[in-house]
Amino acid sequence: MKVNLKGMTRKELEKLKTDIDKQLDRVAEAEKREALAAAQKAAKAYGFSLDDLSGVKTTGKTGPKKSTKKTSGAKDGRSKVAPKYAHPDDPTITWTGRGRKPKWVEAHLENGGDLDALLI
């Protein structure tokens, strides 16, 4: 199909672009559903479900859904840092030593305390 873009107005071109973007999204979603169905069929042929193979819960309409299983580390891909300092009165309150000092650390230092005294 050939479209004469030179003869179109700006408004017509913007409408065409919007229509193309919408159709591309529809085609991509259809292809994702087909790929998911093919993957489920392949896993089933081996006696597994996609959940068994990936640890990700799948849903019928929207594709894969992340499981609620707890994972270690931060959500942005960084690893979790072990705490380095503990509150003197409540050792369950900790700080890694990174970022801004918690108020309890600031208060300890203002009262003449030493940061090394809070080391775990």
PDB file of N, CA and C in Angstrom:
ATOM      1  N   MET A   1       0.840  -1.173   0.000  1.00  0.00           N
ATOM      2  CA  MET A   1       0.000   0.000   0.000  1.00  0.00           C
ATOM      3  C   MET A   1       0.886   1.238   0.000  1.00  0.00           C
ATOM      4  N   LYS A   2       0.637   2.127  -0.916  1.00  0.00           N
ATOM      5  CA  LYS A   2       1.421   3.342  -1.039  1.00  0.00           C
ATOM      6  C   LYS A   2       0.565   4.530  -0.625  1.00  0.00           C
ATOM      7  N   VAL A   3       1.126   5.380   0.233  1.00  0.00           N
ATOM      8  CA  VAL A   3       0.424   6.561   0.720  1.00  0.00           C
ATOM      9  C   VAL A   3       1.215   7.786   0.271  1.00  0.00           C
ATOM     10  N   ASN A   4       0.513   8.764  -0.275  1.00  0.00           N
ATOM     11  CA  ASN A   4       1.159   9.997  -0.709  1.00  0.00           C
ATOM     12  C   ASN A   4       1.273  10.942   0.487  1.00  0.00           C
ATOM     13  N   LEU A   5       2.419  10.902   1.154  1.00  0.00           N
ATOM     14  CA  LEU A   5       2.623  11.711   2.344  1.00  0.00           C
ATOM     15  C   LEU A   5       2.812  13.189   2.006  1.00  0.00           C
ATOM     16  N   LYS A   6       3.340  13.482   0.832  1.00  0.00           N
ATOM     17  CA  LYS A   6       3.601  14.869   0.453  1.00  0.00           C
ATOM     18  C   LYS A   6       2.311  15.663   0.281  1.00  0.00           C
ATOM     19  N   GLY A   7       1.242  15.001  -0.106  1.00  0.00           N
ATOM     20  CA  GLY A   7      -0.013  15.693  -0.324  1.00  0.00           C
ATOM     21  C   GLY A   7      -0.866  15.836   0.927  1.00  0.00           C
ATOM     22  N   MET A   8      -0.390  15.351   2.065  1.00  0.00           N
ATOM     23  CA  MET A   8      -1.180  15.376   3.284  1.00  0.00           C
ATOM     24  C   MET A   8      -0.865  16.614   4.119  1.00  0.00           C
ATOM     25  N   THR A   9      -1.874  17.072   4.851  1.00  0.00           N
ATOM     26  CA  THR A   9      -1.682  18.201   5.755  1.00  0.00           C
ATOM     27  C   THR A   9      -1.040  17.714   7.049  1.00  0.00           C
ATOM     28  N   ARG A  10      -0.600  18.666   7.850  1.00  0.00           N
ATOM     29  CA  ARG A  10       0.006  18.322   9.141  1.00  0.00           C
ATOM     30  C   ARG A  10      -0.986  17.545  10.003  1.00  0.00           C
ATOM     31  N   LYS A  11      -2.230  17.987  10.027  1.00  0.00           N
ATOM     32  CA  LYS A  11      -3.255  17.327  10.835  1.00  0.00           C
ATOM     33  C   LYS A  11      -3.481  15.888  10.364  1.00  0.00           C
ATOM     34  N   GLU A  12      -3.511  15.688   9.070  1.00  0.00           N
ATOM     35  CA  GLU A  12      -3.698  14.342   8.516  1.00  0.00           C
ATOM     36  C   GLU A  12      -2.502  13.448   8.854  1.00  0.00           C
ATOM     37  N   LEU A  13      -1.297  14.023   8.764  1.00  0.00           N
ATOM     38  CA  LEU A  13      -0.095  13.249   9.085  1.00  0.00           C
ATOM     39  C   LEU A  13      -0.074  12.852  10.562  1.00  0.00           C
ATOM     40  N   GLU A  14      -0.464  13.778  11.454  1.00  0.00           N
ATOM     41  CA  GLU A  14      -0.501  13.467  12.878  1.00  0.00           C
ATOM     42  C   GLU A  14      -1.530  12.388  13.181  1.00  0.00           C
ATOM     43  N   LYS A  15      -2.676  12.440  12.509  1.00  0.00           N
ATOM     44  CA  LYS A  15      -3.711  11.416  12.681  1.00  0.00           C
ATOM     45  C   LYS A  15      -3.182  10.066  12.207  1.00  0.00           C
ATOM     46  N   LEU A  16      -2.515  10.073  11.063  1.00  0.00           N
ATOM     47  CA  LEU A  16      -1.942   8.835  10.529  1.00  0.00           C
ATOM     48  C   LEU A  16      -0.911   8.261  11.497  1.00  0.00           C
ATOM     49  N   LYS A  17      -0.086   9.134  12.055  1.00  0.00           N
ATOM     50  CA  LYS A  17       0.930   8.686  13.008  1.00  0.00           C
ATOM     51  C   LYS A  17       0.274   8.060  14.239  1.00  0.00           C
ATOM     52  N   THR A  18      -0.766   8.699  14.755  1.00  0.00           N
ATOM     53  CA  THR A  18      -1.486   8.171  15.915  1.00  0.00           C
ATOM     54  C   THR A  18      -2.092   6.816  15.594  1.00  0.00           C
ATOM     55  N   ASP A  19      -2.714   6.705  14.425  1.00  0.00           N
ATOM     56  CA  ASP A  19      -3.320   5.438  14.010  1.00  0.00           C
ATOM     57  C   ASP A  19      -2.269   4.342  13.876  1.00  0.00           C
ATOM     58  N   ILE A  20      -1.120   4.707  13.330  1.00  0.00           N
ATOM     59  CA  ILE A  20      -0.035   3.725  13.168  1.00  0.00           C
ATOM     60  C   ILE A  20       0.468   3.261  14.532  1.00  0.00           C
ATOM     61  N   ASP A  21       0.672   4.201  15.456  1.00  0.00           N
ATOM     62  CA  ASP A  21       1.132   3.837  16.799  1.00  0.00           C
ATOM     63  C   ASP A  21       0.148   2.913  17.496  1.00  0.00           C
ATOM     64  N   LYS A  22      -1.144   3.213  17.387  1.00  0.00           N
ATOM     65  CA  LYS A  22      -2.162   2.354  18.002  1.00  0.00           C
ATOM     66  C   LYS A  22      -2.139   0.961  17.397  1.00  0.00           C
ATOM     67  N   GLN A  23      -2.034   0.889  16.084  1.00  0.00           N
ATOM     68  CA  GLN A  23      -2.022  -0.417  15.422  1.00  0.00           C
ATOM     69  C   GLN A  23      -0.764  -1.200  15.778  1.00  0.00           C
ATOM     70  N   LEU A  24       0.376  -0.508  15.875  1.00  0.00           N
ATOM     71  CA  LEU A  24       1.610  -1.186  16.283  1.00  0.00           C
ATOM     72  C   LEU A  24       1.476  -1.779  17.680  1.00  0.00           C
ATOM     73  N   ASP A  25       0.834  -1.041  18.589  1.00  0.00           N
ATOM     74  CA  ASP A  25       0.607  -1.555  19.940  1.00  0.00           C
ATOM     75  C   ASP A  25      -0.285  -2.791  19.908  1.00  0.00           C
ATOM     76  N   ARG A  26      -1.346  -2.751  19.099  1.00  0.00           N
ATOM     77  CA  ARG A  26      -2.253  -3.912  18.993  1.00  0.00           C
ATOM     78  C   ARG A  26      -1.516  -5.132  18.447  1.00  0.00           C
ATOM     79  N   VAL A  27      -0.714  -4.915  17.400  1.00  0.00           N
ATOM     80  CA  VAL A  27       0.029  -6.033  16.802  1.00  0.00           C
ATOM     81  C   VAL A  27       1.040  -6.594  17.798  1.00  0.00           C
ATOM     82  N   ALA A  28       1.721  -5.718  18.526  1.00  0.00           N
ATOM     83  CA  ALA A  28       2.698  -6.182  19.517  1.00  0.00           C
ATOM     84  C   ALA A  28       2.017  -7.012  20.599  1.00  0.00           C
ATOM     85  N   GLU A  29       0.855  -6.576  21.088  1.00  0.00           N
ATOM     86  CA  GLU A  29       0.119  -7.331  22.107  1.00  0.00           C
ATOM     87  C   GLU A  29      -0.323  -8.691  21.565  1.00  0.00           C
ATOM     88  N   ALA A  30      -0.796  -8.717  20.326  1.00  0.00           N
ATOM     89  CA  ALA A  30      -1.213  -9.986  19.718  1.00  0.00           C
ATOM     90  C   ALA A  30      -0.021 -10.934  19.599  1.00  0.00           C
ATOM     91  N   GLU A  31       1.131 -10.398  19.199  1.00  0.00           N
ATOM     92  CA  GLU A  31       2.327 -11.232  19.071  1.00  0.00           C
ATOM     93  C   GLU A  31       2.789 -11.748  20.436  1.00  0.00           C
ATOM     94  N   LYS A  32       2.666 -10.915  21.462  1.00  0.00           N
ATOM     95  CA  LYS A  32       3.027 -11.361  22.814  1.00  0.00           C
ATOM     96  C   LYS A  32       2.121 -12.499  23.259  1.00  0.00           C
ATOM     97  N   ARG A  33       0.810 -12.367  22.986  1.00  0.00           N
ATOM     98  CA  ARG A  33      -0.114 -13.443  23.369  1.00  0.00           C
ATOM     99  C   ARG A  33       0.221 -14.728  22.626  1.00  0.00           C
ATOM    100  N   GLU A  34       0.539 -14.616  21.334  1.00  0.00           N
ATOM    101  CA  GLU A  34       0.911 -15.798  20.551  1.00  0.00           C
ATOM    102  C   GLU A  34       2.194 -16.430  21.095  1.00  0.00           C
ATOM    103  N   ALA A  35       3.172 -15.601  21.427  1.00  0.00           N
ATOM    104  CA  ALA A  35       4.435 -16.116  21.962  1.00  0.00           C
ATOM    105  C   ALA A  35       4.220 -16.800  23.303  1.00  0.00           C
ATOM    106  N   LEU A  36       3.372 -16.206  24.146  1.00  0.00           N
ATOM    107  CA  LEU A  36       3.076 -16.798  25.448  1.00  0.00           C
ATOM    108  C   LEU A  36       2.388 -18.153  25.279  1.00  0.00           C
ATOM    109  N   ALA A  37       1.430 -18.209  24.361  1.00  0.00           N
ATOM    110  CA  ALA A  37       0.729 -19.472  24.112  1.00  0.00           C
ATOM    111  C   ALA A  37       1.697 -20.533  23.599  1.00  0.00           C
ATOM    112  N   ALA A  38       2.600 -20.141  22.701  1.00  0.00           N
ATOM    113  CA  ALA A  38       3.584 -21.092  22.158  1.00  0.00           C
ATOM    114  C   ALA A  38       4.531 -21.570  23.264  1.00  0.00           C
ATOM    115  N   ALA A  39       4.944 -20.662  24.143  1.00  0.00           N
ATOM    116  CA  ALA A  39       5.832 -21.041  25.239  1.00  0.00           C
ATOM    117  C   ALA A  39       5.128 -21.980  26.211  1.00  0.00           C
ATOM    118  N   GLN A  40       3.862 -21.694  26.510  1.00  0.00           N
ATOM    119  CA  GLN A  40       3.095 -22.563  27.398  1.00  0.00           C
ATOM    120  C   GLN A  40       2.937 -23.952  26.780  1.00  0.00           C
ATOM    121  N   LYS A  41       2.688 -23.998  25.483  1.00  0.00           N
ATOM    122  CA  LYS A  41       2.535 -25.283  24.787  1.00  0.00           C
ATOM    123  C   LYS A  41       3.852 -26.073  24.820  1.00  0.00           C
ATOM    124  N   ALA A  42       4.964 -25.385  24.592  1.00  0.00           N
ATOM    125  CA  ALA A  42       6.270 -26.054  24.615  1.00  0.00           C
ATOM    126  C   ALA A  42       6.591 -26.581  26.016  1.00  0.00           C
ATOM    127  N   ALA A  43       6.319 -25.782  27.041  1.00  0.00           N
ATOM    128  CA  ALA A  43       6.570 -26.222  28.414  1.00  0.00           C
ATOM    129  C   ALA A  43       5.693 -27.417  28.752  1.00  0.00           C
ATOM    130  N   LYS A  44       4.432 -27.377  28.325  1.00  0.00           N
ATOM    131  CA  LYS A  44       3.501 -28.465  28.606  1.00  0.00           C
ATOM    132  C   LYS A  44       3.955 -29.770  27.943  1.00  0.00           C
ATOM    133  N   ALA A  45       4.563 -29.652  26.760  1.00  0.00           N
ATOM    134  CA  ALA A  45       5.058 -30.838  26.053  1.00  0.00           C
ATOM    135  C   ALA A  45       6.116 -31.569  26.874  1.00  0.00           C
ATOM    136  N   TYR A  46       6.809 -30.848  27.750  1.00  0.00           N
ATOM    137  CA  TYR A  46       7.822 -31.445  28.614  1.00  0.00           C
ATOM    138  C   TYR A  46       7.290 -31.736  30.015  1.00  0.00           C
ATOM    139  N   GLY A  47       6.013 -31.472  30.221  1.00  0.00           N
ATOM    140  CA  GLY A  47       5.408 -31.772  31.512  1.00  0.00           C
ATOM    141  C   GLY A  47       5.545 -30.665  32.544  1.00  0.00           C
ATOM    142  N   PHE A  48       5.812 -29.454  32.092  1.00  0.00           N
ATOM    143  CA  PHE A  48       5.969 -28.317  32.995  1.00  0.00           C
ATOM    144  C   PHE A  48       4.985 -27.217  32.643  1.00  0.00           C
ATOM    145  N   SER A  49       4.855 -26.263  33.559  1.00  0.00           N
ATOM    146  CA  SER A  49       4.145 -25.029  33.255  1.00  0.00           C
ATOM    147  C   SER A  49       5.198 -23.923  33.194  1.00  0.00           C
ATOM    148  N   LEU A  50       4.822 -22.774  32.682  1.00  0.00           N
ATOM    149  CA  LEU A  50       5.773 -21.664  32.668  1.00  0.00           C
ATOM    150  C   LEU A  50       6.121 -21.234  34.086  1.00  0.00           C
ATOM    151  N   ASP A  51       5.175 -21.375  35.008  1.00  0.00           N
ATOM    152  CA  ASP A  51       5.454 -21.060  36.407  1.00  0.00           C
ATOM    153  C   ASP A  51       6.578 -21.947  36.938  1.00  0.00           C
ATOM    154  N   ASP A  52       6.527 -23.232  36.588  1.00  0.00           N
ATOM    155  CA  ASP A  52       7.557 -24.164  37.040  1.00  0.00           C
ATOM    156  C   ASP A  52       8.931 -23.780  36.506  1.00  0.00           C
ATOM    157  N   LEU A  53       8.975 -23.322  35.269  1.00  0.00           N
ATOM    158  CA  LEU A  53      10.250 -23.039  34.622  1.00  0.00           C
ATOM    159  C   LEU A  53      10.817 -21.672  34.962  1.00  0.00           C
ATOM    160  N   SER A  54       9.971 -20.694  35.180  1.00  0.00           N
ATOM    161  CA  SER A  54      10.470 -19.325  35.335  1.00  0.00           C
ATOM    162  C   SER A  54      10.320 -18.746  36.722  1.00  0.00           C
ATOM    163  N   GLY A  55       9.474 -19.328  37.540  1.00  0.00           N
ATOM    164  CA  GLY A  55       9.226 -18.744  38.852  1.00  0.00           C
ATOM    165  C   GLY A  55       8.368 -17.503  38.764  1.00  0.00           C
ATOM    166  N   VAL A  56       7.760 -17.257  37.600  1.00  0.00           N
ATOM    167  CA  VAL A  56       6.902 -16.101  37.381  1.00  0.00           C
ATOM    168  C   VAL A  56       5.492 -16.608  37.159  1.00  0.00           C
ATOM    169  N   LYS A  57       4.542 -16.027  37.874  1.00  0.00           N
ATOM    170  CA  LYS A  57       3.141 -16.396  37.694  1.00  0.00           C
ATOM    171  C   LYS A  57       2.642 -15.811  36.385  1.00  0.00           C
ATOM    172  N   THR A  58       1.909 -16.600  35.603  1.00  0.00           N
ATOM    173  CA  THR A  58       1.371 -16.092  34.344  1.00  0.00           C
ATOM    174  C   THR A  58      -0.125 -15.923  34.468  1.00  0.00           C
ATOM    175  N   THR A  59      -0.638 -14.961  33.725  1.00  0.00           N
ATOM    176  CA  THR A  59      -2.074 -14.739  33.658  1.00  0.00           C
ATOM    177  C   THR A  59      -2.491 -14.843  32.216  1.00  0.00           C
ATOM    178  N   GLY A  60      -3.744 -15.124  31.981  1.00  0.00           N
ATOM    179  CA  GLY A  60      -4.216 -15.340  30.625  1.00  0.00           C
ATOM    180  C   GLY A  60      -4.238 -14.109  29.752  1.00  0.00           C
ATOM    181  N   LYS A  61      -4.606 -12.943  30.298  1.00  0.00           N
ATOM    182  CA  LYS A  61      -4.827 -11.773  29.460  1.00  0.00           C
ATOM    183  C   LYS A  61      -3.605 -10.886  29.276  1.00  0.00           C
ATOM    184  N   THR A  62      -2.932 -10.545  30.345  1.00  0.00           N
ATOM    185  CA  THR A  62      -1.908  -9.514  30.255  1.00  0.00           C
ATOM    186  C   THR A  62      -0.493 -10.052  30.184  1.00  0.00           C
ATOM    187  N   GLY A  63      -0.307 -11.335  30.145  1.00  0.00           N
ATOM    188  CA  GLY A  63       1.029 -11.888  30.056  1.00  0.00           C
ATOM    189  C   GLY A  63       1.607 -12.160  31.427  1.00  0.00           C
ATOM    190  N   PRO A  64       2.934 -12.284  31.516  1.00  0.00           N
ATOM    191  CA  PRO A  64       3.557 -12.649  32.770  1.00  0.00           C
ATOM    192  C   PRO A  64       3.305 -11.624  33.867  1.00  0.00           C
ATOM    193  N   LYS A  65       3.133 -12.159  35.071  1.00  0.00           N
ATOM    194  CA  LYS A  65       2.962 -11.320  36.239  1.00  0.00           C
ATOM    195  C   LYS A  65       4.005 -11.774  37.244  1.00  0.00           C
ATOM    196  N   LYS A  66       4.719 -10.840  37.842  1.00  0.00           N
ATOM    197  CA  LYS A  66       5.768 -11.200  38.787  1.00  0.00           C
ATOM    198  C   LYS A  66       5.170 -11.892  39.993  1.00  0.00           C
ATOM    199  N   SER A  67       5.871 -12.887  40.475  1.00  0.00           N
ATOM    200  CA  SER A  67       5.411 -13.580  41.666  1.00  0.00           C
ATOM    201  C   SER A  67       5.631 -12.699  42.882  1.00  0.00           C
ATOM    202  N   THR A  68       4.977 -13.053  43.972  1.00  0.00           N
ATOM    203  CA  THR A  68       5.090 -12.259  45.186  1.00  0.00           C
ATOM    204  C   THR A  68       6.192 -12.788  46.087  1.00  0.00           C
ATOM    205  N   LYS A  69       6.972 -13.746  45.592  1.00  0.00           N
ATOM    206  CA  LYS A  69       8.055 -14.314  46.377  1.00  0.00           C
ATOM    207  C   LYS A  69       9.094 -13.237  46.693  1.00  0.00           C
ATOM    208  N   LYS A  70       9.527 -13.187  47.951  1.00  0.00           N
ATOM    209  CA  LYS A  70      10.504 -12.186  48.367  1.00  0.00           C
ATOM    210  C   LYS A  70      11.855 -12.521  47.767  1.00  0.00           C
ATOM    211  N   THR A  71      12.554 -11.502  47.312  1.00  0.00           N
ATOM    212  CA  THR A  71      13.900 -11.671  46.797  1.00  0.00           C
ATOM    213  C   THR A  71      14.834 -10.790  47.594  1.00  0.00           C
ATOM    214  N   SER A  72      16.093 -11.173  47.625  1.00  0.00           N
ATOM    215  CA  SER A  72      17.048 -10.347  48.356  1.00  0.00           C
ATOM    216  C   SER A  72      17.547  -9.242  47.443  1.00  0.00           C
ATOM    217  N   GLY A  73      17.910  -8.123  48.028  1.00  0.00           N
ATOM    218  CA  GLY A  73      18.455  -7.014  47.266  1.00  0.00           C
ATOM    219  C   GLY A  73      17.411  -5.966  46.958  1.00  0.00           C
ATOM    220  N   ALA A  74      17.883  -4.842  46.483  1.00  0.00           N
ATOM    221  CA  ALA A  74      17.002  -3.737  46.153  1.00  0.00           C
ATOM    222  C   ALA A  74      16.307  -4.007  44.823  1.00  0.00           C
ATOM    223  N   LYS A  75      15.185  -3.350  44.598  1.00  0.00           N
ATOM    224  CA  LYS A  75      14.411  -3.563  43.381  1.00  0.00           C
ATOM    225  C   LYS A  75      15.070  -2.953  42.153  1.00  0.00           C
ATOM    226  N   ASP A  76      16.002  -2.064  42.338  1.00  0.00           N
ATOM    227  CA  ASP A  76      16.628  -1.418  41.198  1.00  0.00           C
ATOM    228  C   ASP A  76      17.891  -2.142  40.734  1.00  0.00           C
ATOM    229  N   GLY A  77      18.088  -3.374  41.167  1.00  0.00           N
ATOM    230  CA  GLY A  77      19.203  -4.172  40.691  1.00  0.00           C
ATOM    231  C   GLY A  77      20.445  -4.110  41.572  1.00  0.00           C
ATOM    232  N   ARG A  78      20.463  -3.211  42.540  1.00  0.00           N
ATOM    233  CA  ARG A  78      21.618  -3.137  43.423  1.00  0.00           C
ATOM    234  C   ARG A  78      21.491  -4.206  44.500  1.00  0.00           C
ATOM    235  N   SER A  79      22.626  -4.676  44.996  1.00  0.00           N
ATOM    236  CA  SER A  79      22.576  -5.669  46.058  1.00  0.00           C
ATOM    237  C   SER A  79      22.347  -4.980  47.395  1.00  0.00           C
ATOM    238  N   LYS A  80      21.782  -5.724  48.329  1.00  0.00           N
ATOM    239  CA  LYS A  80      21.489  -5.187  49.651  1.00  0.00           C
ATOM    240  C   LYS A  80      22.786  -5.109  50.451  1.00  0.00           C
ATOM    241  N   VAL A  81      22.938  -4.025  51.203  1.00  0.00           N
ATOM    242  CA  VAL A  81      24.141  -3.798  52.003  1.00  0.00           C
ATOM    243  C   VAL A  81      23.841  -4.151  53.448  1.00  0.00           C
ATOM    244  N   ALA A  82      24.759  -4.859  54.070  1.00  0.00           N
ATOM    245  CA  ALA A  82      24.593  -5.252  55.473  1.00  0.00           C
ATOM    246  C   ALA A  82      24.714  -4.029  56.372  1.00  0.00           C
ATOM    247  N   PRO A  83      23.949  -3.991  57.460  1.00  0.00           N
ATOM    248  CA  PRO A  83      24.057  -2.867  58.380  1.00  0.00           C
ATOM    249  C   PRO A  83      25.423  -2.828  59.045  1.00  0.00           C
ATOM    250  N   LYS A  84      25.899  -1.621  59.304  1.00  0.00           N
ATOM    251  CA  LYS A  84      27.217  -1.435  59.900  1.00  0.00           C
ATOM    252  C   LYS A  84      27.115  -0.855  61.315  1.00  0.00           C
ATOM    253  N   TYR A  85      26.043  -0.093  61.562  1.00  0.00           N
ATOM    254  CA  TYR A  85      25.856   0.565  62.850  1.00  0.00           C
ATOM    255  C   TYR A  85      24.500   0.181  63.443  1.00  0.00           C
ATOM    256  N   ALA A  86      24.444   0.111  64.768  1.00  0.00           N
ATOM    257  CA  ALA A  86      23.196  -0.210  65.460  1.00  0.00           C
ATOM    258  C   ALA A  86      22.907   0.850  66.505  1.00  0.00           C
ATOM    259  N   HIS A  87      21.624   1.090  66.745  1.00  0.00           N
ATOM    260  CA  HIS A  87      21.174   2.035  67.764  1.00  0.00           C
ATOM    261  C   HIS A  87      21.649   1.526  69.126  1.00  0.00           C
ATOM    262  N   PRO A  88      22.178   2.407  69.985  1.00  0.00           N
ATOM    263  CA  PRO A  88      22.725   1.939  71.273  1.00  0.00           C
ATOM    264  C   PRO A  88      21.669   1.355  72.211  1.00  0.00           C
ATOM    265  N   ASP A  89      20.435   1.838  72.141  1.00  0.00           N
ATOM    266  CA  ASP A  89      19.391   1.348  73.037  1.00  0.00           C
ATOM    267  C   ASP A  89      18.543   0.242  72.413  1.00  0.00           C
ATOM    268  N   ASP A  90      18.440   0.229  71.096  1.00  0.00           N
ATOM    269  CA  ASP A  90      17.613  -0.768  70.398  1.00  0.00           C
ATOM    270  C   ASP A  90      18.390  -1.314  69.206  1.00  0.00           C
ATOM    271  N   PRO A  91      19.079  -2.453  69.369  1.00  0.00           N
ATOM    272  CA  PRO A  91      19.931  -2.983  68.314  1.00  0.00           C
ATOM    273  C   PRO A  91      19.185  -3.420  67.046  1.00  0.00           C
ATOM    274  N   THR A  92      17.850  -3.438  67.095  1.00  0.00           N
ATOM    275  CA  THR A  92      17.109  -3.791  65.877  1.00  0.00           C
ATOM    276  C   THR A  92      17.059  -2.619  64.900  1.00  0.00           C
ATOM    277  N   ILE A  93      17.359  -1.411  65.389  1.00  0.00           N
ATOM    278  CA  ILE A  93      17.419  -0.232  64.522  1.00  0.00           C
ATOM    279  C   ILE A  93      18.850  -0.111  64.024  1.00  0.00           C
ATOM    280  N   THR A  94      19.038  -0.207  62.710  1.00  0.00           N
ATOM    281  CA  THR A  94      20.390  -0.223  62.163  1.00  0.00           C
ATOM    282  C   THR A  94      20.535   0.792  61.031  1.00  0.00           C
ATOM    283  N   TRP A  95      21.778   0.996  60.634  1.00  0.00           N
ATOM    284  CA  TRP A  95      22.124   1.886  59.515  1.00  0.00           C
ATOM    285  C   TRP A  95      23.315   1.282  58.804  1.00  0.00           C
ATOM    286  N   THR A  96      23.340   1.344  57.483  1.00  0.00           N
ATOM    287  CA  THR A  96      24.413   0.747  56.693  1.00  0.00           C
ATOM    288  C   THR A  96      25.657   1.611  56.644  1.00  0.00           C
ATOM    289  N   GLY A  97      25.515   2.883  56.995  1.00  0.00           N
ATOM    290  CA  GLY A  97      26.648   3.789  56.887  1.00  0.00           C
ATOM    291  C   GLY A  97      26.645   4.523  55.558  1.00  0.00           C
ATOM    292  N   ARG A  98      25.648   4.257  54.745  1.00  0.00           N
ATOM    293  CA  ARG A  98      25.534   4.918  53.443  1.00  0.00           C
ATOM    294  C   ARG A  98      24.399   5.923  53.486  1.00  0.00           C
ATOM    295  N   GLY A  99      24.548   6.953  52.700  1.00  0.00           N
ATOM    296  CA  GLY A  99      23.489   7.949  52.622  1.00  0.00           C
ATOM    297  C   GLY A  99      23.480   8.865  53.838  1.00  0.00           C
ATOM    298  N   ARG A 100      22.374   9.544  54.008  1.00  0.00           N
ATOM    299  CA  ARG A 100      22.221  10.510  55.100  1.00  0.00           C
ATOM    300  C   ARG A 100      22.191   9.792  56.453  1.00  0.00           C
ATOM    301  N   LYS A 101      22.803  10.403  57.441  1.00  0.00           N
ATOM    302  CA  LYS A 101      22.815   9.810  58.784  1.00  0.00           C
ATOM    303  C   LYS A 101      21.405   9.853  59.373  1.00  0.00           C
ATOM    304  N   PRO A 102      20.959   8.769  59.978  1.00  0.00           N
ATOM    305  CA  PRO A 102      19.662   8.788  60.663  1.00  0.00           C
ATOM    306  C   PRO A 102      19.701   9.752  61.846  1.00  0.00           C
ATOM    307  N   LYS A 103      18.531  10.171  62.276  1.00  0.00           N
ATOM    308  CA  LYS A 103      18.448  11.124  63.394  1.00  0.00           C
ATOM    309  C   LYS A 103      19.064  10.571  64.661  1.00  0.00           C
ATOM    310  N   TRP A 104      18.926   9.272  64.914  1.00  0.00           N
ATOM    311  CA  TRP A 104      19.498   8.705  66.130  1.00  0.00           C
ATOM    312  C   TRP A 104      21.024   8.740  66.104  1.00  0.00           C
ATOM    313  N   VAL A 105      21.622   8.635  64.906  1.00  0.00           N
ATOM    314  CA  VAL A 105      23.080   8.734  64.790  1.00  0.00           C
ATOM    315  C   VAL A 105      23.491  10.181  65.029  1.00  0.00           C
ATOM    316  N   GLU A 106      22.778  11.107  64.396  1.00  0.00           N
ATOM    317  CA  GLU A 106      23.068  12.535  64.582  1.00  0.00           C
ATOM    318  C   GLU A 106      22.979  12.904  66.068  1.00  0.00           C
ATOM    319  N   ALA A 107      21.922  12.439  66.751  1.00  0.00           N
ATOM    320  CA  ALA A 107      21.743  12.753  68.173  1.00  0.00           C
ATOM    321  C   ALA A 107      22.888  12.179  69.003  1.00  0.00           C
ATOM    322  N   HIS A 108      23.303  10.963  68.683  1.00  0.00           N
ATOM    323  CA  HIS A 108      24.410  10.315  69.405  1.00  0.00           C
ATOM    324  C   HIS A 108      25.687  11.138  69.247  1.00  0.00           C
ATOM    325  N   LEU A 109      25.972  11.606  68.030  1.00  0.00           N
ATOM    326  CA  LEU A 109      27.178  12.383  67.775  1.00  0.00           C
ATOM    327  C   LEU A 109      27.108  13.753  68.449  1.00  0.00           C
ATOM    328  N   GLU A 110      25.928  14.386  68.456  1.00  0.00           N
ATOM    329  CA  GLU A 110      25.761  15.701  69.093  1.00  0.00           C
ATOM    330  C   GLU A 110      25.955  15.622  70.606  1.00  0.00           C
ATOM    331  N   ASN A 111      25.629  14.469  71.181  1.00  0.00           N
ATOM    332  CA  ASN A 111      25.790  14.287  72.628  1.00  0.00           C
ATOM    333  C   ASN A 111      27.199  13.837  72.996  1.00  0.00           C
ATOM    334  N   GLY A 112      28.134  13.968  72.050  1.00  0.00           N
ATOM    335  CA  GLY A 112      29.531  13.643  72.330  1.00  0.00           C
ATOM    336  C   GLY A 112      29.884  12.194  72.085  1.00  0.00           C
ATOM    337  N   GLY A 113      28.962  11.427  71.543  1.00  0.00           N
ATOM    338  CA  GLY A 113      29.239  10.024  71.270  1.00  0.00           C
ATOM    339  C   GLY A 113      30.148   9.850  70.061  1.00  0.00           C
ATOM    340  N   ASP A 114      30.716   8.678  69.948  1.00  0.00           N
ATOM    341  CA  ASP A 114      31.622   8.353  68.858  1.00  0.00           C
ATOM    342  C   ASP A 114      30.944   7.395  67.898  1.00  0.00           C
ATOM    343  N   LEU A 115      31.127   7.612  66.601  1.00  0.00           N
ATOM    344  CA  LEU A 115      30.502   6.750  65.609  1.00  0.00           C
ATOM    345  C   LEU A 115      31.000   5.306  65.738  1.00  0.00           C
ATOM    346  N   ASP A 116      32.258   5.145  66.120  1.00  0.00           N
ATOM    347  CA  ASP A 116      32.808   3.794  66.299  1.00  0.00           C
ATOM    348  C   ASP A 116      32.106   3.030  67.417  1.00  0.00           C
ATOM    349  N   ALA A 117      31.515   3.733  68.354  1.00  0.00           N
ATOM    350  CA  ALA A 117      30.801   3.078  69.459  1.00  0.00           C
ATOM    351  C   ALA A 117      29.511   2.419  68.976  1.00  0.00           C
ATOM    352  N   LEU A 118      29.034   2.825  67.803  1.00  0.00           N
ATOM    353  CA  LEU A 118      27.786   2.253  67.262  1.00  0.00           C
ATOM    354  C   LEU A 118      28.049   1.095  66.308  1.00  0.00           C
ATOM    355  N   LEU A 119      29.312   0.794  66.039  1.00  0.00           N
ATOM    356  CA  LEU A 119      29.632  -0.302  65.125  1.00  0.00           C
ATOM    357  C   LEU A 119      29.049  -1.624  65.604  1.00  0.00           C
ATOM    358  N   ILE A 120      28.600  -2.401  64.670  1.00  0.00           N
ATOM    359  CA  ILE A 120      28.042  -3.717  65.009  1.00  0.00           C
ATOM    360  C   ILE A 120      29.177  -4.714  65.128  1.00  0.00           C
TER     361      ILE A 120
END
